[in-house]
């Protein structure tokens, strides 16, 4: 907005709202928008951290499920949670990239953008750690189950079972009667006396 006061007798035209002032107002508004975005991203990062904890809980529960229906339900819940977390991670990454593009050499904005990016990376590393820990625990569980069902299993057979994703070796070898677990006969399990 420009408002000029003209004083022709003195030969002066005075701009009461010079361009620099308008720009400063725009920069102030831009800074307000920038810091609002920072707060929104901080909030999204906290939500992502809660989602990671929820995934960790469902992972733990999935390792304890022995009923086929419970396993299926937990796996579906886990699939939905991980899809949601992946979508959130991609959205956060995009928001941070856009935010960093708005820094324009402003040290205060740069510091906030760097802080947000650092927090995001830390939450992403935690998420990846949860996923990798779960994968390792599943591999360990599969190997234990195979060893129970087939004590003389070779390392290659153990690895093959892990690669096939046969995470329920033991539960497949165990049947239920009236809600009680019943182990198959010792010969079915290949257990030597």
Foldseek 3Di string as FASTA:
>chain_A
DWDWDDDVVVPDIHTPCDPVNVVVVVVVVLVVVLVVLLVVLVVLLVVLLVLLVVLLVLLVVLLVDLDPVVNVVSVVVNVVSVVVSVVSLVVSVVSLVVSCVSCVPPPVSNVSSVVSVVSSVVSVVSSVVSVVVSLVVLLVQQLVQLCQQPVPDDPVNSVVSSVVVVSNSNSVQWDDDPNHIDHDDCVRSVDDD
